């Protein structure tokens, strides 16, 4: 596997690095060159190895939801250290509960080094209390979103605990962020998501071009992330549930009436669950 160092995205003096974990997770690490923040560290080992390689010191951990592949490495990374951990106010985190500062939509997380000002967004759907973290501008002026398993490149998370209406509202909130926002999703699901997106939106020229580009990236072992909000608005069918072409395809393929965008989203999400 290629080193995540090859995939570090520089923004000013800051780096946003997708550290691979498990089969398809990315643990995003943000650093100013000395201090580092880990987002959803489901596994401690790759984070620890990467920090050691770069000579960075872990100073904070951000959690978006309670699933084990996002929180499983936290205790090992803490290992008695006084490292602040921020996580969703509406979810139980088991043995981690005493160590987590609870945050909810509208709260701010401020870190001095690396200097990060993050706004917390409530984005239920994948889980009931799922949150995301939005950085309005890095030192170069670029916005960033850490959205866990809510929004993926060309997809969205399964509804394990929430409702279609909740997830659609959450995706609407993310789609309303600035188009230049770098979207740091937590999984490399892009190629399978694109296959489904093409089934929903076969006439989308931007999506067909992205299918070719994403396949070329993965053939070289390069992550398809981060994506951007503007790109997702153009190619992600779950952000296009009101598009007449998408609704017509759903009606034709599923032999269902599609009276509104919530019905379209619900049918699409159910279809994706069984799509192969």
Foldseek 3Di string as FASTA:
>chain_A
DDAQVVVWDDAPQKTWTFQDDDPWWTWTWIASQAEIETEQQLAQVSVVVVCVVSNHHYAEYEYFAQDNSRCVHPCVNCVVPLHAYEYAPPHDNPPCVVRYDHDEAQDWDADVGVGFIWGKYQQAFLARGGIKTWTCQDPNGAIEIEREQADDQLEGHARPHHDLVSSLVSVVVVLPRDQRYFYDYTTQPHQVSLVLLCLQQVPQPLSVVVNVVCVVCVVVVHGPGRDTSNSCCRRHVLNVLQPPSSQVSLCVVVVDHDPHSSSSNVSSSVCSVPPD
